Amino acid sequence: MKKLFYLGFLASLFACNPKPIVNISGTILNEVENEIIVSSQLLDSKDTLKIVDGNFMGSLNVENPGMYALNNGKFGFRLYLKPGDELNIVFDVDQLKRETMLILKLQEKVLKKLSYC
């Protein structure tokens, strides 16, 4: 009976640990390059997802949960990934360009106001 208890305990330990893989797929509109670079916040890991006809898919090795950047050229965004995630993402690079320009313009206005004070 004791052996069954230990066997059950060990099985439950391994069953609760998700695989350190994140499956990611999606669609990108108005891509700048034919690949998406996925890198960790600490830049200790970097993966490339190929874009074919506006679609991409792949499996990433994510050992620890954390922030990751998805970039197409110099445009991209960040997201939180953890082992076992399954993501389907749709994004438009033109929209990311517009938002980047808006942020830069707002920062410029704030700096001008601060310099007049």
PDB file of N, CA and C in Angstrom:
ATOM      1  N   MET A   1       0.821  -1.193   0.000  1.00  0.00           N
ATOM      2  CA  MET A   1       0.000   0.000   0.000  1.00  0.00           C
ATOM      3  C   MET A   1       0.863   1.256   0.000  1.00  0.00           C
ATOM      4  N   LYS A   2       1.947   1.189   0.748  1.00  0.00           N
ATOM      5  CA  LYS A   2       2.850   2.319   0.822  1.00  0.00           C
ATOM      6  C   LYS A   2       3.488   2.594  -0.547  1.00  0.00           C
ATOM      7  N   LYS A   3       3.807   1.514  -1.274  1.00  0.00           N
ATOM      8  CA  LYS A   3       4.414   1.663  -2.586  1.00  0.00           C
ATOM      9  C   LYS A   3       3.438   2.324  -3.562  1.00  0.00           C
ATOM     10  N   LEU A   4       2.161   1.971  -3.480  1.00  0.00           N
ATOM     11  CA  LEU A   4       1.158   2.585  -4.349  1.00  0.00           C
ATOM     12  C   LEU A   4       1.024   4.083  -4.050  1.00  0.00           C
ATOM     13  N   PHE A   5       1.100   4.429  -2.780  1.00  0.00           N
ATOM     14  CA  PHE A   5       1.015   5.839  -2.401  1.00  0.00           C
ATOM     15  C   PHE A   5       2.171   6.628  -3.027  1.00  0.00           C
ATOM     16  N   TYR A   6       3.382   6.122  -2.890  1.00  0.00           N
ATOM     17  CA  TYR A   6       4.548   6.804  -3.453  1.00  0.00           C
ATOM     18  C   TYR A   6       4.486   6.863  -4.974  1.00  0.00           C
ATOM     19  N   LEU A   7       4.038   5.795  -5.586  1.00  0.00           N
ATOM     20  CA  LEU A   7       3.900   5.769  -7.033  1.00  0.00           C
ATOM     21  C   LEU A   7       2.876   6.808  -7.494  1.00  0.00           C
ATOM     22  N   GLY A   8       1.752   6.901  -6.812  1.00  0.00           N
ATOM     23  CA  GLY A   8       0.724   7.886  -7.136  1.00  0.00           C
ATOM     24  C   GLY A   8       1.224   9.301  -6.922  1.00  0.00           C
ATOM     25  N   PHE A   9       1.981   9.501  -5.855  1.00  0.00           N
ATOM     26  CA  PHE A   9       2.545  10.821  -5.566  1.00  0.00           C
ATOM     27  C   PHE A   9       3.513  11.258  -6.665  1.00  0.00           C
ATOM     28  N   LEU A  10       4.393  10.374  -7.076  1.00  0.00           N
ATOM     29  CA  LEU A  10       5.345  10.693  -8.140  1.00  0.00           C
ATOM     30  C   LEU A  10       4.634  10.973  -9.465  1.00  0.00           C
ATOM     31  N   ALA A  11       3.616  10.191  -9.773  1.00  0.00           N
ATOM     32  CA  ALA A  11       2.859  10.400 -11.012  1.00  0.00           C
ATOM     33  C   ALA A  11       2.169  11.761 -10.998  1.00  0.00           C
ATOM     34  N   SER A  12       1.646  12.163  -9.847  1.00  0.00           N
ATOM     35  CA  SER A  12       0.976  13.464  -9.776  1.00  0.00           C
ATOM     36  C   SER A  12       1.967  14.609  -9.931  1.00  0.00           C
ATOM     37  N   LEU A  13       3.182  14.448  -9.449  1.00  0.00           N
ATOM     38  CA  LEU A  13       4.200  15.486  -9.625  1.00  0.00           C
ATOM     39  C   LEU A  13       4.512  15.712 -11.102  1.00  0.00           C
ATOM     40  N   PHE A  14       4.694  14.649 -11.841  1.00  0.00           N
ATOM     41  CA  PHE A  14       5.031  14.776 -13.251  1.00  0.00           C
ATOM     42  C   PHE A  14       3.829  15.205 -14.086  1.00  0.00           C
ATOM     43  N   ALA A  15       2.649  14.870 -13.678  1.00  0.00           N
ATOM     44  CA  ALA A  15       1.446  15.228 -14.434  1.00  0.00           C
ATOM     45  C   ALA A  15       1.163  16.718 -14.340  1.00  0.00           C
ATOM     46  N   CYS A  16       1.566  17.382 -13.260  1.00  0.00           N
ATOM     47  CA  CYS A  16       1.260  18.794 -13.062  1.00  0.00           C
ATOM     48  C   CYS A  16       2.253  19.721 -13.746  1.00  0.00           C
ATOM     49  N   ASN A  17       3.403  19.223 -14.129  1.00  0.00           N
ATOM     50  CA  ASN A  17       4.401  20.068 -14.759  1.00  0.00           C
ATOM     51  C   ASN A  17       4.114  20.193 -16.255  1.00  0.00           C
ATOM     52  N   PRO A  18       3.766  21.425 -16.716  1.00  0.00           N
ATOM     53  CA  PRO A  18       3.520  21.577 -18.145  1.00  0.00           C
ATOM     54  C   PRO A  18       4.828  21.489 -18.923  1.00  0.00           C
ATOM     55  N   LYS A  19       4.709  21.094 -20.175  1.00  0.00           N
ATOM     56  CA  LYS A  19       5.890  21.050 -21.037  1.00  0.00           C
ATOM     57  C   LYS A  19       6.362  22.484 -21.255  1.00  0.00           C
ATOM     58  N   PRO A  20       7.669  22.698 -21.339  1.00  0.00           N
ATOM     59  CA  PRO A  20       8.165  24.067 -21.509  1.00  0.00           C
ATOM     60  C   PRO A  20       8.044  24.566 -22.952  1.00  0.00           C
ATOM     61  N   ILE A  21       6.891  24.315 -23.553  1.00  0.00           N
ATOM     62  CA  ILE A  21       6.661  24.690 -24.951  1.00  0.00           C
ATOM     63  C   ILE A  21       5.474  25.643 -25.021  1.00  0.00           C
ATOM     64  N   VAL A  22       5.593  26.666 -25.877  1.00  0.00           N
ATOM     65  CA  VAL A  22       4.482  27.559 -26.191  1.00  0.00           C
ATOM     66  C   VAL A  22       4.220  27.422 -27.681  1.00  0.00           C
ATOM     67  N   ASN A  23       3.009  27.058 -28.034  1.00  0.00           N
ATOM     68  CA  ASN A  23       2.614  26.985 -29.444  1.00  0.00           C
ATOM     69  C   ASN A  23       2.000  28.318 -29.822  1.00  0.00           C
ATOM     70  N   ILE A  24       2.537  28.911 -30.861  1.00  0.00           N
ATOM     71  CA  ILE A  24       2.071  30.231 -31.283  1.00  0.00           C
ATOM     72  C   ILE A  24       1.800  30.211 -32.783  1.00  0.00           C
ATOM     73  N   SER A  25       0.691  30.796 -33.170  1.00  0.00           N
ATOM     74  CA  SER A  25       0.332  30.892 -34.587  1.00  0.00           C
ATOM     75  C   SER A  25      -0.439  32.181 -34.775  1.00  0.00           C
ATOM     76  N   GLY A  26      -0.616  32.572 -36.014  1.00  0.00           N
ATOM     77  CA  GLY A  26      -1.389  33.774 -36.249  1.00  0.00           C
ATOM     78  C   GLY A  26      -1.250  34.304 -37.649  1.00  0.00           C
ATOM     79  N   THR A  27      -1.767  35.520 -37.789  1.00  0.00           N
ATOM     80  CA  THR A  27      -1.770  36.222 -39.063  1.00  0.00           C
ATOM     81  C   THR A  27      -1.184  37.601 -38.849  1.00  0.00           C
ATOM     82  N   ILE A  28      -0.360  38.023 -39.792  1.00  0.00           N
ATOM     83  CA  ILE A  28       0.217  39.364 -39.754  1.00  0.00           C
ATOM     84  C   ILE A  28      -0.159  40.081 -41.037  1.00  0.00           C
ATOM     85  N   LEU A  29      -0.605  41.314 -40.890  1.00  0.00           N
ATOM     86  CA  LEU A  29      -0.980  42.137 -42.041  1.00  0.00           C
ATOM     87  C   LEU A  29       0.096  43.185 -42.277  1.00  0.00           C
ATOM     88  N   ASN A  30       0.400  43.473 -43.525  1.00  0.00           N
ATOM     89  CA  ASN A  30       1.361  44.513 -43.908  1.00  0.00           C
ATOM     90  C   ASN A  30       2.739  44.281 -43.296  1.00  0.00           C
ATOM     91  N   GLU A  31       3.203  43.034 -43.359  1.00  0.00           N
ATOM     92  CA  GLU A  31       4.497  42.710 -42.756  1.00  0.00           C
ATOM     93  C   GLU A  31       5.631  43.466 -43.430  1.00  0.00           C
ATOM     94  N   VAL A  32       6.660  43.780 -42.630  1.00  0.00           N
ATOM     95  CA  VAL A  32       7.838  44.491 -43.111  1.00  0.00           C
ATOM     96  C   VAL A  32       8.883  43.491 -43.588  1.00  0.00           C
ATOM     97  N   GLU A  33       9.024  42.388 -42.868  1.00  0.00           N
ATOM     98  CA  GLU A  33       9.971  41.337 -43.213  1.00  0.00           C
ATOM     99  C   GLU A  33       9.229  40.008 -43.267  1.00  0.00           C
ATOM    100  N   ASN A  34       9.896  38.965 -43.753  1.00  0.00           N
ATOM    101  CA  ASN A  34       9.232  37.662 -43.890  1.00  0.00           C
ATOM    102  C   ASN A  34       9.446  36.759 -42.677  1.00  0.00           C
ATOM    103  N   GLU A  35       9.736  37.363 -41.523  1.00  0.00           N
ATOM    104  CA  GLU A  35       9.895  36.587 -40.299  1.00  0.00           C
ATOM    105  C   GLU A  35       9.541  37.425 -39.086  1.00  0.00           C
ATOM    106  N   ILE A  36       9.195  36.724 -38.012  1.00  0.00           N
ATOM    107  CA  ILE A  36       8.929  37.352 -36.728  1.00  0.00           C
ATOM    108  C   ILE A  36       9.991  36.852 -35.764  1.00  0.00           C
ATOM    109  N   ILE A  37      10.616  37.778 -35.065  1.00  0.00           N
ATOM    110  CA  ILE A  37      11.619  37.432 -34.071  1.00  0.00           C
ATOM    111  C   ILE A  37      10.953  37.483 -32.700  1.00  0.00           C
ATOM    112  N   VAL A  38      11.059  36.381 -31.963  1.00  0.00           N
ATOM    113  CA  VAL A  38      10.527  36.309 -30.601  1.00  0.00           C
ATOM    114  C   VAL A  38      11.718  36.219 -29.664  1.00  0.00           C
ATOM    115  N   SER A  39      11.844  37.195 -28.762  1.00  0.00           N
ATOM    116  CA  SER A  39      12.981  37.196 -27.838  1.00  0.00           C
ATOM    117  C   SER A  39      12.495  37.455 -26.423  1.00  0.00           C
ATOM    118  N   SER A  40      13.217  36.887 -25.470  1.00  0.00           N
ATOM    119  CA  SER A  40      12.860  37.078 -24.070  1.00  0.00           C
ATOM    120  C   SER A  40      13.286  38.468 -23.623  1.00  0.00           C
ATOM    121  N   GLN A  41      12.707  38.912 -22.524  1.00  0.00           N
ATOM    122  CA  GLN A  41      13.011  40.240 -22.001  1.00  0.00           C
ATOM    123  C   GLN A  41      14.494  40.368 -21.666  1.00  0.00           C
ATOM    124  N   LEU A  42      15.088  39.289 -21.182  1.00  0.00           N
ATOM    125  CA  LEU A  42      16.502  39.299 -20.821  1.00  0.00           C
ATOM    126  C   LEU A  42      17.409  39.009 -22.013  1.00  0.00           C
ATOM    127  N   LEU A  43      16.809  38.801 -23.184  1.00  0.00           N
ATOM    128  CA  LEU A  43      17.524  38.501 -24.428  1.00  0.00           C
ATOM    129  C   LEU A  43      18.386  37.250 -24.326  1.00  0.00           C
ATOM    130  N   ASP A  44      17.980  36.326 -23.432  1.00  0.00           N
ATOM    131  CA  ASP A  44      18.733  35.078 -23.315  1.00  0.00           C
ATOM    132  C   ASP A  44      18.208  33.995 -24.250  1.00  0.00           C
ATOM    133  N   SER A  45      17.076  34.253 -24.882  1.00  0.00           N
ATOM    134  CA  SER A  45      16.579  33.306 -25.883  1.00  0.00           C
ATOM    135  C   SER A  45      15.966  34.084 -27.040  1.00  0.00           C
ATOM    136  N   LYS A  46      16.099  33.510 -28.236  1.00  0.00           N
ATOM    137  CA  LYS A  46      15.598  34.160 -29.441  1.00  0.00           C
ATOM    138  C   LYS A  46      15.171  33.084 -30.427  1.00  0.00           C
ATOM    139  N   ASP A  47      13.942  33.208 -30.933  1.00  0.00           N
ATOM    140  CA  ASP A  47      13.417  32.276 -31.913  1.00  0.00           C
ATOM    141  C   ASP A  47      12.905  33.050 -33.123  1.00  0.00           C
ATOM    142  N   THR A  48      12.861  32.382 -34.260  1.00  0.00           N
ATOM    143  CA  THR A  48      12.381  32.996 -35.487  1.00  0.00           C
ATOM    144  C   THR A  48      11.192  32.207 -36.017  1.00  0.00           C
ATOM    145  N   LEU A  49      10.129  32.924 -36.342  1.00  0.00           N
ATOM    146  CA  LEU A  49       8.943  32.319 -36.948  1.00  0.00           C
ATOM    147  C   LEU A  49       8.838  32.842 -38.377  1.00  0.00           C
ATOM    148  N   LYS A  50       8.830  31.946 -39.347  1.00  0.00           N
ATOM    149  CA  LYS A  50       8.721  32.326 -40.755  1.00  0.00           C
ATOM    150  C   LYS A  50       7.282  32.702 -41.098  1.00  0.00           C
ATOM    151  N   ILE A  51       7.139  33.731 -41.919  1.00  0.00           N
ATOM    152  CA  ILE A  51       5.823  34.180 -42.384  1.00  0.00           C
ATOM    153  C   ILE A  51       5.633  33.678 -43.807  1.00  0.00           C
ATOM    154  N   VAL A  52       4.548  32.940 -44.022  1.00  0.00           N
ATOM    155  CA  VAL A  52       4.209  32.433 -45.348  1.00  0.00           C
ATOM    156  C   VAL A  52       2.776  32.855 -45.652  1.00  0.00           C
ATOM    157  N   ASP A  53       2.619  33.659 -46.707  1.00  0.00           N
ATOM    158  CA  ASP A  53       1.300  34.172 -47.107  1.00  0.00           C
ATOM    159  C   ASP A  53       0.587  34.875 -45.956  1.00  0.00           C
ATOM    160  N   GLY A  54       1.334  35.606 -45.143  1.00  0.00           N
ATOM    161  CA  GLY A  54       0.750  36.363 -44.039  1.00  0.00           C
ATOM    162  C   GLY A  54       0.468  35.550 -42.796  1.00  0.00           C
ATOM    163  N   ASN A  55       0.798  34.280 -42.794  1.00  0.00           N
ATOM    164  CA  ASN A  55       0.549  33.420 -41.630  1.00  0.00           C
ATOM    165  C   ASN A  55       1.867  32.917 -41.047  1.00  0.00           C
ATOM    166  N   PHE A  56       1.862  32.676 -39.749  1.00  0.00           N
ATOM    167  CA  PHE A  56       3.044  32.135 -39.088  1.00  0.00           C
ATOM    168  C   PHE A  56       2.618  31.126 -38.034  1.00  0.00           C
ATOM    169  N   MET A  57       3.514  30.216 -37.706  1.00  0.00           N
ATOM    170  CA  MET A  57       3.257  29.252 -36.638  1.00  0.00           C
ATOM    171  C   MET A  57       4.579  28.653 -36.187  1.00  0.00           C
ATOM    172  N   GLY A  58       4.600  28.219 -34.940  1.00  0.00           N
ATOM    173  CA  GLY A  58       5.806  27.600 -34.429  1.00  0.00           C
ATOM    174  C   GLY A  58       5.667  27.247 -32.964  1.00  0.00           C
ATOM    175  N   SER A  59       6.648  26.537 -32.464  1.00  0.00           N
ATOM    176  CA  SER A  59       6.716  26.168 -31.054  1.00  0.00           C
ATOM    177  C   SER A  59       7.958  26.803 -30.457  1.00  0.00           C
ATOM    178  N   LEU A  60       7.776  27.449 -29.330  1.00  0.00           N
ATOM    179  CA  LEU A  60       8.876  28.121 -28.652  1.00  0.00           C
ATOM    180  C   LEU A  60       9.203  27.384 -27.367  1.00  0.00           C
ATOM    181  N   ASN A  61      10.466  27.316 -27.045  1.00  0.00           N
ATOM    182  CA  ASN A  61      10.898  26.722 -25.788  1.00  0.00           C
ATOM    183  C   ASN A  61      10.889  27.818 -24.724  1.00  0.00           C
ATOM    184  N   VAL A  62       9.928  27.757 -23.806  1.00  0.00           N
ATOM    185  CA  VAL A  62       9.793  28.753 -22.748  1.00  0.00           C
ATOM    186  C   VAL A  62       9.919  28.030 -21.414  1.00  0.00           C
ATOM    187  N   GLU A  63      11.098  28.077 -20.838  1.00  0.00           N
ATOM    188  CA  GLU A  63      11.355  27.386 -19.569  1.00  0.00           C
ATOM    189  C   GLU A  63      10.649  28.071 -18.397  1.00  0.00           C
ATOM    190  N   ASN A  64      10.703  29.419 -18.388  1.00  0.00           N
ATOM    191  CA  ASN A  64      10.136  30.192 -17.277  1.00  0.00           C
ATOM    192  C   ASN A  64       9.146  31.217 -17.795  1.00  0.00           C
ATOM    193  N   PRO A  65       8.090  31.476 -17.039  1.00  0.00           N
ATOM    194  CA  PRO A  65       7.150  32.523 -17.439  1.00  0.00           C
ATOM    195  C   PRO A  65       7.855  33.874 -17.483  1.00  0.00           C
ATOM    196  N   GLY A  66       7.407  34.733 -18.386  1.00  0.00           N
ATOM    197  CA  GLY A  66       8.002  36.063 -18.457  1.00  0.00           C
ATOM    198  C   GLY A  66       7.541  36.840 -19.669  1.00  0.00           C
ATOM    199  N   MET A  67       8.099  38.035 -19.804  1.00  0.00           N
ATOM    200  CA  MET A  67       7.766  38.923 -20.912  1.00  0.00           C
ATOM    201  C   MET A  67       8.633  38.579 -22.123  1.00  0.00           C
ATOM    202  N   TYR A  68       7.998  38.563 -23.278  1.00  0.00           N
ATOM    203  CA  TYR A  68       8.678  38.277 -24.536  1.00  0.00           C
ATOM    204  C   TYR A  68       8.264  39.329 -25.554  1.00  0.00           C
ATOM    205  N   ALA A  69       9.171  39.649 -26.469  1.00  0.00           N
ATOM    206  CA  ALA A  69       8.895  40.612 -27.529  1.00  0.00           C
ATOM    207  C   ALA A  69       8.706  39.879 -28.847  1.00  0.00           C
ATOM    208  N   LEU A  70       7.672  40.269 -29.598  1.00  0.00           N
ATOM    209  CA  LEU A  70       7.441  39.779 -30.956  1.00  0.00           C
ATOM    210  C   LEU A  70       7.690  40.945 -31.885  1.00  0.00           C
ATOM    211  N   ASN A  71       8.669  40.821 -32.776  1.00  0.00           N
ATOM    212  CA  ASN A  71       9.025  41.919 -33.669  1.00  0.00           C
ATOM    213  C   ASN A  71       9.029  41.470 -35.119  1.00  0.00           C
ATOM    214  N   ASN A  72       8.486  42.346 -35.956  1.00  0.00           N
ATOM    215  CA  ASN A  72       8.580  42.201 -37.397  1.00  0.00           C
ATOM    216  C   ASN A  72       9.301  43.446 -37.879  1.00  0.00           C
ATOM    217  N   GLY A  73      10.574  43.294 -38.215  1.00  0.00           N
ATOM    218  CA  GLY A  73      11.389  44.474 -38.478  1.00  0.00           C
ATOM    219  C   GLY A  73      11.605  45.199 -37.163  1.00  0.00           C
ATOM    220  N   LYS A  74      11.424  46.517 -37.165  1.00  0.00           N
ATOM    221  CA  LYS A  74      11.589  47.271 -35.922  1.00  0.00           C
ATOM    222  C   LYS A  74      10.258  47.538 -35.226  1.00  0.00           C
ATOM    223  N   PHE A  75       9.196  46.920 -35.700  1.00  0.00           N
ATOM    224  CA  PHE A  75       7.876  47.109 -35.102  1.00  0.00           C
ATOM    225  C   PHE A  75       7.437  45.830 -34.407  1.00  0.00           C
ATOM    226  N   GLY A  76       6.850  45.984 -33.241  1.00  0.00           N
ATOM    227  CA  GLY A  76       6.406  44.808 -32.509  1.00  0.00           C
ATOM    228  C   GLY A  76       5.700  45.161 -31.218  1.00  0.00           C
ATOM    229  N   PHE A  77       5.541  44.170 -30.382  1.00  0.00           N
ATOM    230  CA  PHE A  77       4.866  44.346 -29.103  1.00  0.00           C
ATOM    231  C   PHE A  77       5.358  43.283 -28.136  1.00  0.00           C
ATOM    232  N   ARG A  78       4.979  43.437 -26.882  1.00  0.00           N
ATOM    233  CA  ARG A  78       5.389  42.485 -25.844  1.00  0.00           C
ATOM    234  C   ARG A  78       4.178  41.719 -25.340  1.00  0.00           C
ATOM    235  N   LEU A  79       4.462  40.504 -24.879  1.00  0.00           N
ATOM    236  CA  LEU A  79       3.406  39.728 -24.245  1.00  0.00           C
ATOM    237  C   LEU A  79       4.005  38.778 -23.216  1.00  0.00           C
ATOM    238  N   TYR A  80       3.152  38.334 -22.316  1.00  0.00           N
ATOM    239  CA  TYR A  80       3.554  37.446 -21.230  1.00  0.00           C
ATOM    240  C   TYR A  80       3.321  36.009 -21.675  1.00  0.00           C
ATOM    241  N   LEU A  81       4.370  35.193 -21.630  1.00  0.00           N
ATOM    242  CA  LEU A  81       4.262  33.785 -22.006  1.00  0.00           C
ATOM    243  C   LEU A  81       4.645  32.899 -20.836  1.00  0.00           C
ATOM    244  N   LYS A  82       3.956  31.764 -20.735  1.00  0.00           N
ATOM    245  CA  LYS A  82       4.313  30.762 -19.729  1.00  0.00           C
ATOM    246  C   LYS A  82       4.237  29.387 -20.374  1.00  0.00           C
ATOM    247  N   PRO A  83       4.994  28.422 -19.851  1.00  0.00           N
ATOM    248  CA  PRO A  83       4.990  27.079 -20.438  1.00  0.00           C
ATOM    249  C   PRO A  83       3.571  26.523 -20.568  1.00  0.00           C
ATOM    250  N   GLY A  84       3.287  25.915 -21.707  1.00  0.00           N
ATOM    251  CA  GLY A  84       1.985  25.313 -21.942  1.00  0.00           C
ATOM    252  C   GLY A  84       0.998  26.216 -22.656  1.00  0.00           C
ATOM    253  N   ASP A  85       1.335  27.497 -22.874  1.00  0.00           N
ATOM    254  CA  ASP A  85       0.422  28.415 -23.557  1.00  0.00           C
ATOM    255  C   ASP A  85       0.208  28.001 -25.007  1.00  0.00           C
ATOM    256  N   GLU A  86      -0.992  28.286 -25.510  1.00  0.00           N
ATOM    257  CA  GLU A  86      -1.341  28.104 -26.923  1.00  0.00           C
ATOM    258  C   GLU A  86      -1.939  29.428 -27.378  1.00  0.00           C
ATOM    259  N   LEU A  87      -1.263  30.134 -28.277  1.00  0.00           N
ATOM    260  CA  LEU A  87      -1.703  31.461 -28.687  1.00  0.00           C
ATOM    261  C   LEU A  87      -1.996  31.524 -30.178  1.00  0.00           C
ATOM    262  N   ASN A  88      -3.016  32.308 -30.517  1.00  0.00           N
ATOM    263  CA  ASN A  88      -3.317  32.651 -31.901  1.00  0.00           C
ATOM    264  C   ASN A  88      -3.408  34.172 -31.945  1.00  0.00           C
ATOM    265  N   ILE A  89      -2.517  34.807 -32.689  1.00  0.00           N
ATOM    266  CA  ILE A  89      -2.379  36.260 -32.682  1.00  0.00           C
ATOM    267  C   ILE A  89      -2.650  36.800 -34.078  1.00  0.00           C
ATOM    268  N   VAL A  90      -3.371  37.919 -34.144  1.00  0.00           N
ATOM    269  CA  VAL A  90      -3.571  38.642 -35.400  1.00  0.00           C
ATOM    270  C   VAL A  90      -3.138  40.081 -35.139  1.00  0.00           C
ATOM    271  N   PHE A  91      -2.203  40.583 -35.951  1.00  0.00           N
ATOM    272  CA  PHE A  91      -1.814  41.982 -35.788  1.00  0.00           C
ATOM    273  C   PHE A  91      -1.434  42.608 -37.115  1.00  0.00           C
ATOM    274  N   ASP A  92      -1.505  43.939 -37.134  1.00  0.00           N
ATOM    275  CA  ASP A  92      -1.260  44.734 -38.327  1.00  0.00           C
ATOM    276  C   ASP A  92      -0.056  45.640 -38.074  1.00  0.00           C
ATOM    277  N   VAL A  93       0.980  45.491 -38.857  1.00  0.00           N
ATOM    278  CA  VAL A  93       2.195  46.286 -38.674  1.00  0.00           C
ATOM    279  C   VAL A  93       1.916  47.767 -38.925  1.00  0.00           C
ATOM    280  N   ASP A  94       1.039  48.099 -39.878  1.00  0.00           N
ATOM    281  CA  ASP A  94       0.710  49.507 -40.121  1.00  0.00           C
ATOM    282  C   ASP A  94       0.107  50.152 -38.881  1.00  0.00           C
ATOM    283  N   GLN A  95      -0.729  49.420 -38.161  1.00  0.00           N
ATOM    284  CA  GLN A  95      -1.313  49.952 -36.929  1.00  0.00           C
ATOM    285  C   GLN A  95      -0.219  50.165 -35.875  1.00  0.00           C
ATOM    286  N   LEU A  96       0.738  49.237 -35.791  1.00  0.00           N
ATOM    287  CA  LEU A  96       1.849  49.407 -34.855  1.00  0.00           C
ATOM    288  C   LEU A  96       2.676  50.637 -35.228  1.00  0.00           C
ATOM    289  N   LYS A  97       2.857  50.896 -36.524  1.00  0.00           N
ATOM    290  CA  LYS A  97       3.596  52.082 -36.966  1.00  0.00           C
ATOM    291  C   LYS A  97       2.872  53.351 -36.525  1.00  0.00           C
ATOM    292  N   ARG A  98       1.538  53.398 -36.734  1.00  0.00           N
ATOM    293  CA  ARG A  98       0.761  54.581 -36.352  1.00  0.00           C
ATOM    294  C   ARG A  98       0.833  54.819 -34.853  1.00  0.00           C
ATOM    295  N   GLU A  99       0.716  53.751 -34.065  1.00  0.00           N
ATOM    296  CA  GLU A  99       0.773  53.897 -32.611  1.00  0.00           C
ATOM    297  C   GLU A  99       2.152  54.356 -32.162  1.00  0.00           C
ATOM    298  N   THR A 100       3.206  53.873 -32.810  1.00  0.00           N
ATOM    299  CA  THR A 100       4.565  54.305 -32.469  1.00  0.00           C
ATOM    300  C   THR A 100       4.733  55.781 -32.768  1.00  0.00           C
ATOM    301  N   MET A 101       4.241  56.232 -33.906  1.00  0.00           N
ATOM    302  CA  MET A 101       4.349  57.648 -34.261  1.00  0.00           C
ATOM    303  C   MET A 101       3.555  58.513 -33.285  1.00  0.00           C
ATOM    304  N   LEU A 102       2.383  58.059 -32.863  1.00  0.00           N
ATOM    305  CA  LEU A 102       1.563  58.805 -31.911  1.00  0.00           C
ATOM    306  C   LEU A 102       2.293  58.940 -30.574  1.00  0.00           C
ATOM    307  N   ILE A 103       2.900  57.876 -30.109  1.00  0.00           N
ATOM    308  CA  ILE A 103       3.642  57.915 -28.845  1.00  0.00           C
ATOM    309  C   ILE A 103       4.807  58.880 -28.958  1.00  0.00           C
ATOM    310  N   LEU A 104       5.530  58.854 -30.072  1.00  0.00           N
ATOM    311  CA  LEU A 104       6.659  59.763 -30.257  1.00  0.00           C
ATOM    312  C   LEU A 104       6.205  61.220 -30.281  1.00  0.00           C
ATOM    313  N   LYS A 105       5.067  61.491 -30.940  1.00  0.00           N
ATOM    314  CA  LYS A 105       4.546  62.867 -30.987  1.00  0.00           C
ATOM    315  C   LYS A 105       4.122  63.330 -29.598  1.00  0.00           C
ATOM    316  N   LEU A 106       3.472  62.448 -28.833  1.00  0.00           N
ATOM    317  CA  LEU A 106       3.065  62.817 -27.480  1.00  0.00           C
ATOM    318  C   LEU A 106       4.275  63.083 -26.599  1.00  0.00           C
ATOM    319  N   GLN A 107       5.309  62.277 -26.727  1.00  0.00           N
ATOM    320  CA  GLN A 107       6.525  62.493 -25.946  1.00  0.00           C
ATOM    321  C   GLN A 107       7.170  63.819 -26.321  1.00  0.00           C
ATOM    322  N   GLU A 108       7.158  64.147 -27.600  1.00  0.00           N
ATOM    323  CA  GLU A 108       7.732  65.407 -28.063  1.00  0.00           C
ATOM    324  C   GLU A 108       6.988  66.595 -27.459  1.00  0.00           C
ATOM    325  N   LYS A 109       5.637  66.528 -27.422  1.00  0.00           N
ATOM    326  CA  LYS A 109       4.840  67.609 -26.844  1.00  0.00           C
ATOM    327  C   LYS A 109       5.127  67.764 -25.351  1.00  0.00           C
ATOM    328  N   VAL A 110       5.244  66.660 -24.655  1.00  0.00           N
ATOM    329  CA  VAL A 110       5.523  66.713 -23.216  1.00  0.00           C
ATOM    330  C   VAL A 110       6.882  67.338 -22.978  1.00  0.00           C
ATOM    331  N   LEU A 111       7.872  66.949 -23.749  1.00  0.00           N
ATOM    332  CA  LEU A 111       9.209  67.529 -23.593  1.00  0.00           C
ATOM    333  C   LEU A 111       9.231  69.024 -23.886  1.00  0.00           C
ATOM    334  N   LYS A 112       8.476  69.452 -24.895  1.00  0.00           N
ATOM    335  CA  LYS A 112       8.405  70.886 -25.198  1.00  0.00           C
ATOM    336  C   LYS A 112       7.771  71.641 -24.040  1.00  0.00           C
ATOM    337  N   LYS A 113       6.691  71.096 -23.471  1.00  0.00           N
ATOM    338  CA  LYS A 113       6.022  71.771 -22.341  1.00  0.00           C
ATOM    339  C   LYS A 113       6.953  71.836 -21.141  1.00  0.00           C
ATOM    340  N   LEU A 114       7.693  70.788 -20.896  1.00  0.00           N
ATOM    341  CA  LEU A 114       8.615  70.782 -19.763  1.00  0.00           C
ATOM    342  C   LEU A 114       9.742  71.781 -19.958  1.00  0.00           C
ATOM    343  N   SER A 115      10.183  71.980 -21.161  1.00  0.00           N
ATOM    344  CA  SER A 115      11.297  72.896 -21.400  1.00  0.00           C
ATOM    345  C   SER A 115      10.856  74.367 -21.282  1.00  0.00           C
ATOM    346  N   TYR A 116       9.547  74.664 -21.413  1.00  0.00           N
ATOM    347  CA  TYR A 116       9.050  76.029 -21.271  1.00  0.00           C
ATOM    348  C   TYR A 116       8.826  76.407 -19.815  1.00  0.00           C
ATOM    349  N   CYS A 117       8.734  75.450 -18.919  1.00  0.00           N
ATOM    350  CA  CYS A 117       8.451  75.739 -17.512  1.00  0.00           C
ATOM    351  C   CYS A 117       9.645  76.309 -16.783  1.00  0.00           C
TER     352      CYS A 117
END
